[in-house]
Amino acid sequence: VTGGFGAQGKARGRAVYTVNLYSG
């Protein structure tokens, strides 16, 4: 998980930005 409002605790946002460990 690299960021996004959804990655934060008790956030109103849903978006979670990620990097796939296998493919990058």
mmCIF file of all heavy atoms, coordinates in Angstrom:
data_MODEL
# 
_entry.id   MODEL 
# 
loop_
_atom_site.group_PDB 
_atom_site.id 
_atom_site.type_symbol 
_atom_site.label_atom_id 
_atom_site.label_alt_id 
_atom_site.label_comp_id 
_atom_site.label_asym_id 
_atom_site.label_entity_id 
_atom_site.label_seq_id 
_atom_site.pdbx_PDB_ins_code 
_atom_site.Cartn_x 
_atom_site.Cartn_y 
_atom_site.Cartn_z 
_atom_site.occupancy 
_atom_site.B_iso_or_equiv 
_atom_site.pdbx_formal_charge 
_atom_site.auth_seq_id 
_atom_site.auth_comp_id 
_atom_site.auth_asym_id 
_atom_site.auth_atom_id 
_atom_site.pdbx_PDB_model_num 
ATOM 1   N N   . VAL A 1 1  ? 0.852   -1.187  0.000   1.00 0.00 ? 1  VAL A N   1 
ATOM 2   C CA  . VAL A 1 1  ? 0.000   0.000   0.000   1.00 0.00 ? 1  VAL A CA  1 
ATOM 3   C C   . VAL A 1 1  ? 0.891   1.242   0.000   1.00 0.00 ? 1  VAL A C   1 
ATOM 4   O O   . VAL A 1 1  ? 1.729   1.416   0.887   1.00 0.00 ? 1  VAL A O   1 
ATOM 5   C CB  . VAL A 1 1  ? -0.939  0.006   1.225   1.00 0.00 ? 1  VAL A CB  1 
ATOM 6   C CG1 . VAL A 1 1  ? -1.778  1.275   1.251   1.00 0.00 ? 1  VAL A CG1 1 
ATOM 7   C CG2 . VAL A 1 1  ? -1.826  -1.231  1.220   1.00 0.00 ? 1  VAL A CG2 1 
ATOM 8   N N   . THR A 1 2  ? 0.706   2.092   -0.998  1.00 0.00 ? 2  THR A N   1 
ATOM 9   C CA  . THR A 1 2  ? 1.570   3.273   -1.152  1.00 0.00 ? 2  THR A CA  1 
ATOM 10  C C   . THR A 1 2  ? 0.872   4.588   -0.839  1.00 0.00 ? 2  THR A C   1 
ATOM 11  O O   . THR A 1 2  ? 1.528   5.628   -0.730  1.00 0.00 ? 2  THR A O   1 
ATOM 12  C CB  . THR A 1 2  ? 2.131   3.344   -2.581  1.00 0.00 ? 2  THR A CB  1 
ATOM 13  O OG1 . THR A 1 2  ? 1.044   3.383   -3.519  1.00 0.00 ? 2  THR A OG1 1 
ATOM 14  C CG2 . THR A 1 2  ? 3.018   2.132   -2.878  1.00 0.00 ? 2  THR A CG2 1 
ATOM 15  N N   . GLY A 1 3  ? -0.452  4.574   -0.702  1.00 0.00 ? 3  GLY A N   1 
ATOM 16  C CA  . GLY A 1 3  ? -1.143  5.828   -0.400  1.00 0.00 ? 3  GLY A CA  1 
ATOM 17  C C   . GLY A 1 3  ? -2.626  5.745   -0.679  1.00 0.00 ? 3  GLY A C   1 
ATOM 18  O O   . GLY A 1 3  ? -3.190  4.660   -0.829  1.00 0.00 ? 3  GLY A O   1 
ATOM 19  N N   . GLY A 1 4  ? -3.246  6.934   -0.744  1.00 0.00 ? 4  GLY A N   1 
ATOM 20  C CA  . GLY A 1 4  ? -4.690  7.024   -0.970  1.00 0.00 ? 4  GLY A CA  1 
ATOM 21  C C   . GLY A 1 4  ? -5.429  7.343   0.314   1.00 0.00 ? 4  GLY A C   1 
ATOM 22  O O   . GLY A 1 4  ? -5.007  6.932   1.395   1.00 0.00 ? 4  GLY A O   1 
ATOM 23  N N   . PHE A 1 5  ? -6.521  8.083   0.187   1.00 0.00 ? 5  PHE A N   1 
ATOM 24  C CA  . PHE A 1 5  ? -7.290  8.452   1.376   1.00 0.00 ? 5  PHE A CA  1 
ATOM 25  C C   . PHE A 1 5  ? -7.816  7.220   2.106   1.00 0.00 ? 5  PHE A C   1 
ATOM 26  O O   . PHE A 1 5  ? -7.923  7.205   3.327   1.00 0.00 ? 5  PHE A O   1 
ATOM 27  C CB  . PHE A 1 5  ? -8.459  9.370   0.991   1.00 0.00 ? 5  PHE A CB  1 
ATOM 28  C CG  . PHE A 1 5  ? -8.030  10.754  0.597   1.00 0.00 ? 5  PHE A CG  1 
ATOM 29  C CD1 . PHE A 1 5  ? -8.320  11.244  -0.659  1.00 0.00 ? 5  PHE A CD1 1 
ATOM 30  C CD2 . PHE A 1 5  ? -7.328  11.562  1.477   1.00 0.00 ? 5  PHE A CD2 1 
ATOM 31  C CE1 . PHE A 1 5  ? -7.919  12.523  -1.033  1.00 0.00 ? 5  PHE A CE1 1 
ATOM 32  C CE2 . PHE A 1 5  ? -6.915  12.842  1.120   1.00 0.00 ? 5  PHE A CE2 1 
ATOM 33  C CZ  . PHE A 1 5  ? -7.222  13.316  -0.152  1.00 0.00 ? 5  PHE A CZ  1 
ATOM 34  N N   . GLY A 1 6  ? -8.143  6.175   1.344   1.00 0.00 ? 6  GLY A N   1 
ATOM 35  C CA  . GLY A 1 6  ? -8.673  4.969   1.966   1.00 0.00 ? 6  GLY A CA  1 
ATOM 36  C C   . GLY A 1 6  ? -7.648  4.206   2.782   1.00 0.00 ? 6  GLY A C   1 
ATOM 37  O O   . GLY A 1 6  ? -8.006  3.346   3.589   1.00 0.00 ? 6  GLY A O   1 
ATOM 38  N N   . ALA A 1 7  ? -6.381  4.510   2.575   1.00 0.00 ? 7  ALA A N   1 
ATOM 39  C CA  . ALA A 1 7  ? -5.320  3.825   3.320   1.00 0.00 ? 7  ALA A CA  1 
ATOM 40  C C   . ALA A 1 7  ? -5.159  4.383   4.729   1.00 0.00 ? 7  ALA A C   1 
ATOM 41  O O   . ALA A 1 7  ? -4.518  3.763   5.579   1.00 0.00 ? 7  ALA A O   1 
ATOM 42  C CB  . ALA A 1 7  ? -3.994  3.935   2.567   1.00 0.00 ? 7  ALA A CB  1 
ATOM 43  N N   . GLN A 1 8  ? -5.740  5.558   4.975   1.00 0.00 ? 8  GLN A N   1 
ATOM 44  C CA  . GLN A 1 8  ? -5.605  6.195   6.276   1.00 0.00 ? 8  GLN A CA  1 
ATOM 45  C C   . GLN A 1 8  ? -6.644  5.650   7.256   1.00 0.00 ? 8  GLN A C   1 
ATOM 46  O O   . GLN A 1 8  ? -7.680  5.125   6.858   1.00 0.00 ? 8  GLN A O   1 
ATOM 47  C CB  . GLN A 1 8  ? -5.770  7.719   6.146   1.00 0.00 ? 8  GLN A CB  1 
ATOM 48  C CG  . GLN A 1 8  ? -4.854  8.346   5.108   1.00 0.00 ? 8  GLN A CG  1 
ATOM 49  C CD  . GLN A 1 8  ? -3.394  7.985   5.311   1.00 0.00 ? 8  GLN A CD  1 
ATOM 50  O OE1 . GLN A 1 8  ? -2.880  8.071   6.435   1.00 0.00 ? 8  GLN A OE1 1 
ATOM 51  N NE2 . GLN A 1 8  ? -2.735  7.587   4.240   1.00 0.00 ? 8  GLN A NE2 1 
ATOM 52  N N   . GLY A 1 9  ? -6.368  5.767   8.521   1.00 0.00 ? 9  GLY A N   1 
ATOM 53  C CA  . GLY A 1 9  ? -7.293  5.290   9.539   1.00 0.00 ? 9  GLY A CA  1 
ATOM 54  C C   . GLY A 1 9  ? -8.526  6.171   9.648   1.00 0.00 ? 9  GLY A C   1 
ATOM 55  O O   . GLY A 1 9  ? -8.416  7.397   9.618   1.00 0.00 ? 9  GLY A O   1 
ATOM 56  N N   . LYS A 1 10 ? -9.703  5.560   9.741   1.00 0.00 ? 10 LYS A N   1 
ATOM 57  C CA  . LYS A 1 10 ? -10.975 6.264   9.886   1.00 0.00 ? 10 LYS A CA  1 
ATOM 58  C C   . LYS A 1 10 ? -11.179 7.315   8.807   1.00 0.00 ? 10 LYS A C   1 
ATOM 59  O O   . LYS A 1 10 ? -11.784 8.369   9.044   1.00 0.00 ? 10 LYS A O   1 
ATOM 60  C CB  . LYS A 1 10 ? -11.064 6.918   11.267  1.00 0.00 ? 10 LYS A CB  1 
ATOM 61  C CG  . LYS A 1 10 ? -11.002 5.917   12.423  1.00 0.00 ? 10 LYS A CG  1 
ATOM 62  C CD  . LYS A 1 10 ? -11.091 6.599   13.763  1.00 0.00 ? 10 LYS A CD  1 
ATOM 63  C CE  . LYS A 1 10 ? -11.008 5.590   14.901  1.00 0.00 ? 10 LYS A CE  1 
ATOM 64  N NZ  . LYS A 1 10 ? -11.049 6.232   16.241  1.00 0.00 ? 10 LYS A NZ  1 
ATOM 65  N N   . ALA A 1 11 ? -10.671 7.041   7.614   1.00 0.00 ? 11 ALA A N   1 
ATOM 66  C CA  . ALA A 1 11 ? -10.784 7.999   6.519   1.00 0.00 ? 11 ALA A CA  1 
ATOM 67  C C   . ALA A 1 11 ? -12.150 7.905   5.853   1.00 0.00 ? 11 ALA A C   1 
ATOM 68  O O   . ALA A 1 11 ? -12.777 6.846   5.836   1.00 0.00 ? 11 ALA A O   1 
ATOM 69  C CB  . ALA A 1 11 ? -9.694  7.740   5.485   1.00 0.00 ? 11 ALA A CB  1 
ATOM 70  N N   . ARG A 1 12 ? -12.602 9.018   5.301   1.00 0.00 ? 12 ARG A N   1 
ATOM 71  C CA  . ARG A 1 12 ? -13.856 9.019   4.556   1.00 0.00 ? 12 ARG A CA  1 
ATOM 72  C C   . ARG A 1 12 ? -13.639 8.508   3.136   1.00 0.00 ? 12 ARG A C   1 
ATOM 73  O O   . ARG A 1 12 ? -14.553 8.015   2.506   1.00 0.00 ? 12 ARG A O   1 
ATOM 74  C CB  . ARG A 1 12 ? -14.439 10.425  4.518   1.00 0.00 ? 12 ARG A CB  1 
ATOM 75  C CG  . ARG A 1 12 ? -14.922 10.914  5.878   1.00 0.00 ? 12 ARG A CG  1 
ATOM 76  C CD  . ARG A 1 12 ? -15.595 12.262  5.767   1.00 0.00 ? 12 ARG A CD  1 
ATOM 77  N NE  . ARG A 1 12 ? -16.100 12.724  7.053   1.00 0.00 ? 12 ARG A NE  1 
ATOM 78  C CZ  . ARG A 1 12 ? -16.730 13.879  7.234   1.00 0.00 ? 12 ARG A CZ  1 
ATOM 79  N NH1 . ARG A 1 12 ? -16.920 14.690  6.204   1.00 0.00 ? 12 ARG A NH1 1 
ATOM 80  N NH2 . ARG A 1 12 ? -17.154 14.218  8.424   1.00 0.00 ? 12 ARG A NH2 1 
ATOM 81  N N   . GLY A 1 13 ? -12.426 8.656   2.641   1.00 0.00 ? 13 GLY A N   1 
ATOM 82  C CA  . GLY A 1 13 ? -12.127 8.207   1.292   1.00 0.00 ? 13 GLY A CA  1 
ATOM 83  C C   . GLY A 1 13 ? -12.018 6.691   1.221   1.00 0.00 ? 13 GLY A C   1 
ATOM 84  O O   . GLY A 1 13 ? -11.881 6.011   2.243   1.00 0.00 ? 13 GLY A O   1 
ATOM 85  N N   . ARG A 1 14 ? -12.105 6.163   -0.003  1.00 0.00 ? 14 ARG A N   1 
ATOM 86  C CA  . ARG A 1 14 ? -12.032 4.712   -0.194  1.00 0.00 ? 14 ARG A CA  1 
ATOM 87  C C   . ARG A 1 14 ? -10.783 4.277   -0.936  1.00 0.00 ? 14 ARG A C   1 
ATOM 88  O O   . ARG A 1 14 ? -10.362 3.141   -0.843  1.00 0.00 ? 14 ARG A O   1 
ATOM 89  C CB  . ARG A 1 14 ? -13.260 4.220   -0.961  1.00 0.00 ? 14 ARG A CB  1 
ATOM 90  C CG  . ARG A 1 14 ? -14.578 4.424   -0.251  1.00 0.00 ? 14 ARG A CG  1 
ATOM 91  C CD  . ARG A 1 14 ? -15.719 3.830   -1.056  1.00 0.00 ? 14 ARG A CD  1 
ATOM 92  N NE  . ARG A 1 14 ? -15.779 4.398   -2.403  1.00 0.00 ? 14 ARG A NE  1 
ATOM 93  C CZ  . ARG A 1 14 ? -16.452 3.879   -3.419  1.00 0.00 ? 14 ARG A CZ  1 
ATOM 94  N NH1 . ARG A 1 14 ? -17.130 2.758   -3.241  1.00 0.00 ? 14 ARG A NH1 1 
ATOM 95  N NH2 . ARG A 1 14 ? -16.467 4.458   -4.603  1.00 0.00 ? 14 ARG A NH2 1 
ATOM 96  N N   . ALA A 1 15 ? -10.205 5.165   -1.740  1.00 0.00 ? 15 ALA A N   1 
ATOM 97  C CA  . ALA A 1 15 ? -9.120  4.800   -2.648  1.00 0.00 ? 15 ALA A CA  1 
ATOM 98  C C   . ALA A 1 15 ? -7.858  4.361   -1.907  1.00 0.00 ? 15 ALA A C   1 
ATOM 99  O O   . ALA A 1 15 ? -7.395  5.035   -0.978  1.00 0.00 ? 15 ALA A O   1 
ATOM 100 C CB  . ALA A 1 15 ? -8.780  5.967   -3.569  1.00 0.00 ? 15 ALA A CB  1 
ATOM 101 N N   . VAL A 1 16 ? -7.342  3.212   -2.333  1.00 0.00 ? 16 VAL A N   1 
ATOM 102 C CA  . VAL A 1 16 ? -6.085  2.689   -1.792  1.00 0.00 ? 16 VAL A CA  1 
ATOM 103 C C   . VAL A 1 16 ? -5.171  2.412   -2.989  1.00 0.00 ? 16 VAL A C   1 
ATOM 104 O O   . VAL A 1 16 ? -5.520  1.610   -3.856  1.00 0.00 ? 16 VAL A O   1 
ATOM 105 C CB  . VAL A 1 16 ? -6.311  1.384   -0.991  1.00 0.00 ? 16 VAL A CB  1 
ATOM 106 C CG1 . VAL A 1 16 ? -4.978  0.802   -0.533  1.00 0.00 ? 16 VAL A CG1 1 
ATOM 107 C CG2 . VAL A 1 16 ? -7.230  1.642   0.202   1.00 0.00 ? 16 VAL A CG2 1 
ATOM 108 N N   . TYR A 1 17 ? -4.026  3.082   -3.021  1.00 0.00 ? 17 TYR A N   1 
ATOM 109 C CA  . TYR A 1 17 ? -3.083  2.899   -4.125  1.00 0.00 ? 17 TYR A CA  1 
ATOM 110 C C   . TYR A 1 17 ? -2.021  1.886   -3.724  1.00 0.00 ? 17 TYR A C   1 
ATOM 111 O O   . TYR A 1 17 ? -1.507  1.909   -2.592  1.00 0.00 ? 17 TYR A O   1 
ATOM 112 C CB  . TYR A 1 17 ? -2.453  4.241   -4.516  1.00 0.00 ? 17 TYR A CB  1 
ATOM 113 C CG  . TYR A 1 17 ? -3.488  5.205   -5.050  1.00 0.00 ? 17 TYR A CG  1 
ATOM 114 C CD1 . TYR A 1 17 ? -3.990  6.231   -4.254  1.00 0.00 ? 17 TYR A CD1 1 
ATOM 115 C CD2 . TYR A 1 17 ? -4.001  5.052   -6.330  1.00 0.00 ? 17 TYR A CD2 1 
ATOM 116 C CE1 . TYR A 1 17 ? -4.972  7.093   -4.730  1.00 0.00 ? 17 TYR A CE1 1 
ATOM 117 C CE2 . TYR A 1 17 ? -4.979  5.907   -6.829  1.00 0.00 ? 17 TYR A CE2 1 
ATOM 118 C CZ  . TYR A 1 17 ? -5.455  6.922   -6.016  1.00 0.00 ? 17 TYR A CZ  1 
ATOM 119 O OH  . TYR A 1 17 ? -6.433  7.759   -6.498  1.00 0.00 ? 17 TYR A OH  1 
ATOM 120 N N   . THR A 1 18 ? -1.706  1.000   -4.657  1.00 0.00 ? 18 THR A N   1 
ATOM 121 C CA  . THR A 1 18 ? -0.830  -0.130  -4.330  1.00 0.00 ? 18 THR A CA  1 
ATOM 122 C C   . THR A 1 18 ? 0.163   -0.420  -5.445  1.00 0.00 ? 18 THR A C   1 
ATOM 123 O O   . THR A 1 18 ? -0.001  0.023   -6.584  1.00 0.00 ? 18 THR A O   1 
ATOM 124 C CB  . THR A 1 18 ? -1.652  -1.412  -4.094  1.00 0.00 ? 18 THR A CB  1 
ATOM 125 O OG1 . THR A 1 18 ? -2.261  -1.809  -5.340  1.00 0.00 ? 18 THR A OG1 1 
ATOM 126 C CG2 . THR A 1 18 ? -2.737  -1.211  -3.049  1.00 0.00 ? 18 THR A CG2 1 
ATOM 127 N N   . VAL A 1 19 ? 1.184   -1.188  -5.077  1.00 0.00 ? 19 VAL A N   1 
ATOM 128 C CA  . VAL A 1 19 ? 2.108   -1.773  -6.038  1.00 0.00 ? 19 VAL A CA  1 
ATOM 129 C C   . VAL A 1 19 ? 2.072   -3.282  -5.833  1.00 0.00 ? 19 VAL A C   1 
ATOM 130 O O   . VAL A 1 19 ? 2.265   -3.764  -4.710  1.00 0.00 ? 19 VAL A O   1 
ATOM 131 C CB  . VAL A 1 19 ? 3.552   -1.260  -5.835  1.00 0.00 ? 19 VAL A CB  1 
ATOM 132 C CG1 . VAL A 1 19 ? 4.499   -1.967  -6.801  1.00 0.00 ? 19 VAL A CG1 1 
ATOM 133 C CG2 . VAL A 1 19 ? 3.635   0.241   -6.025  1.00 0.00 ? 19 VAL A CG2 1 
ATOM 134 N N   . ASN A 1 20 ? 1.791   -4.015  -6.889  1.00 0.00 ? 20 ASN A N   1 
ATOM 135 C CA  . ASN A 1 20 ? 1.759   -5.469  -6.793  1.00 0.00 ? 20 ASN A CA  1 
ATOM 136 C C   . ASN A 1 20 ? 3.177   -5.987  -6.566  1.00 0.00 ? 20 ASN A C   1 
ATOM 137 O O   . ASN A 1 20 ? 4.096   -5.633  -7.298  1.00 0.00 ? 20 ASN A O   1 
ATOM 138 C CB  . ASN A 1 20 ? 1.176   -6.059  -8.086  1.00 0.00 ? 20 ASN A CB  1 
ATOM 139 C CG  . ASN A 1 20 ? 1.136   -7.571  -8.060  1.00 0.00 ? 20 ASN A CG  1 
ATOM 140 O OD1 . ASN A 1 20 ? 2.146   -8.231  -8.283  1.00 0.00 ? 20 ASN A OD1 1 
ATOM 141 N ND2 . ASN A 1 20 ? -0.025  -8.116  -7.792  1.00 0.00 ? 20 ASN A ND2 1 
ATOM 142 N N   . LEU A 1 21 ? 3.362   -6.825  -5.550  1.00 0.00 ? 21 LEU A N   1 
ATOM 143 C CA  . LEU A 1 21 ? 4.711   -7.292  -5.210  1.00 0.00 ? 21 LEU A CA  1 
ATOM 144 C C   . LEU A 1 21 ? 5.315   -8.169  -6.297  1.00 0.00 ? 21 LEU A C   1 
ATOM 145 O O   . LEU A 1 21 ? 6.530   -8.153  -6.498  1.00 0.00 ? 21 LEU A O   1 
ATOM 146 C CB  . LEU A 1 21 ? 4.690   -8.076  -3.887  1.00 0.00 ? 21 LEU A CB  1 
ATOM 147 C CG  . LEU A 1 21 ? 4.445   -7.271  -2.612  1.00 0.00 ? 21 LEU A CG  1 
ATOM 148 C CD1 . LEU A 1 21 ? 4.737   -8.127  -1.388  1.00 0.00 ? 21 LEU A CD1 1 
ATOM 149 C CD2 . LEU A 1 21 ? 5.266   -5.999  -2.569  1.00 0.00 ? 21 LEU A CD2 1 
ATOM 150 N N   . TYR A 1 22 ? 4.497   -8.933  -6.989  1.00 0.00 ? 22 TYR A N   1 
ATOM 151 C CA  . TYR A 1 22 ? 5.049   -9.827  -8.011  1.00 0.00 ? 22 TYR A CA  1 
ATOM 152 C C   . TYR A 1 22 ? 5.332   -9.102  -9.324  1.00 0.00 ? 22 TYR A C   1 
ATOM 153 O O   . TYR A 1 22 ? 6.427   -9.199  -9.866  1.00 0.00 ? 22 TYR A O   1 
ATOM 154 C CB  . TYR A 1 22 ? 4.104   -10.997 -8.276  1.00 0.00 ? 22 TYR A CB  1 
ATOM 155 C CG  . TYR A 1 22 ? 4.674   -11.997 -9.267  1.00 0.00 ? 22 TYR A CG  1 
ATOM 156 C CD1 . TYR A 1 22 ? 5.628   -12.927 -8.859  1.00 0.00 ? 22 TYR A CD1 1 
ATOM 157 C CD2 . TYR A 1 22 ? 4.298   -11.983 -10.604 1.00 0.00 ? 22 TYR A CD2 1 
ATOM 158 C CE1 . TYR A 1 22 ? 6.182   -13.829 -9.762  1.00 0.00 ? 22 TYR A CE1 1 
ATOM 159 C CE2 . TYR A 1 22 ? 4.852   -12.883 -11.512 1.00 0.00 ? 22 TYR A CE2 1 
ATOM 160 C CZ  . TYR A 1 22 ? 5.788   -13.795 -11.096 1.00 0.00 ? 22 TYR A CZ  1 
ATOM 161 O OH  . TYR A 1 22 ? 6.339   -14.671 -11.997 1.00 0.00 ? 22 TYR A OH  1 
ATOM 162 N N   . SER A 1 23 ? 4.363   -8.355  -9.814  1.00 0.00 ? 23 SER A N   1 
ATOM 163 C CA  . SER A 1 23 ? 4.505   -7.728  -11.135 1.00 0.00 ? 23 SER A CA  1 
ATOM 164 C C   . SER A 1 23 ? 5.076   -6.319  -11.094 1.00 0.00 ? 23 SER A C   1 
ATOM 165 O O   . SER A 1 23 ? 5.598   -5.825  -12.093 1.00 0.00 ? 23 SER A O   1 
ATOM 166 C CB  . SER A 1 23 ? 3.139   -7.672  -11.829 1.00 0.00 ? 23 SER A CB  1 
ATOM 167 O OG  . SER A 1 23 ? 2.269   -6.776  -11.148 1.00 0.00 ? 23 SER A OG  1 
ATOM 168 N N   . GLY A 1 24 ? 4.951   -5.655  -9.940  1.00 0.00 ? 24 GLY A N   1 
ATOM 169 C CA  . GLY A 1 24 ? 5.389   -4.264  -9.847  1.00 0.00 ? 24 GLY A CA  1 
ATOM 170 C C   . GLY A 1 24 ? 4.371   -3.282  -10.407 1.00 0.00 ? 24 GLY A C   1 
ATOM 171 O O   . GLY A 1 24 ? 4.609   -2.073  -10.442 1.00 0.00 ? 24 GLY A O   1 
# 
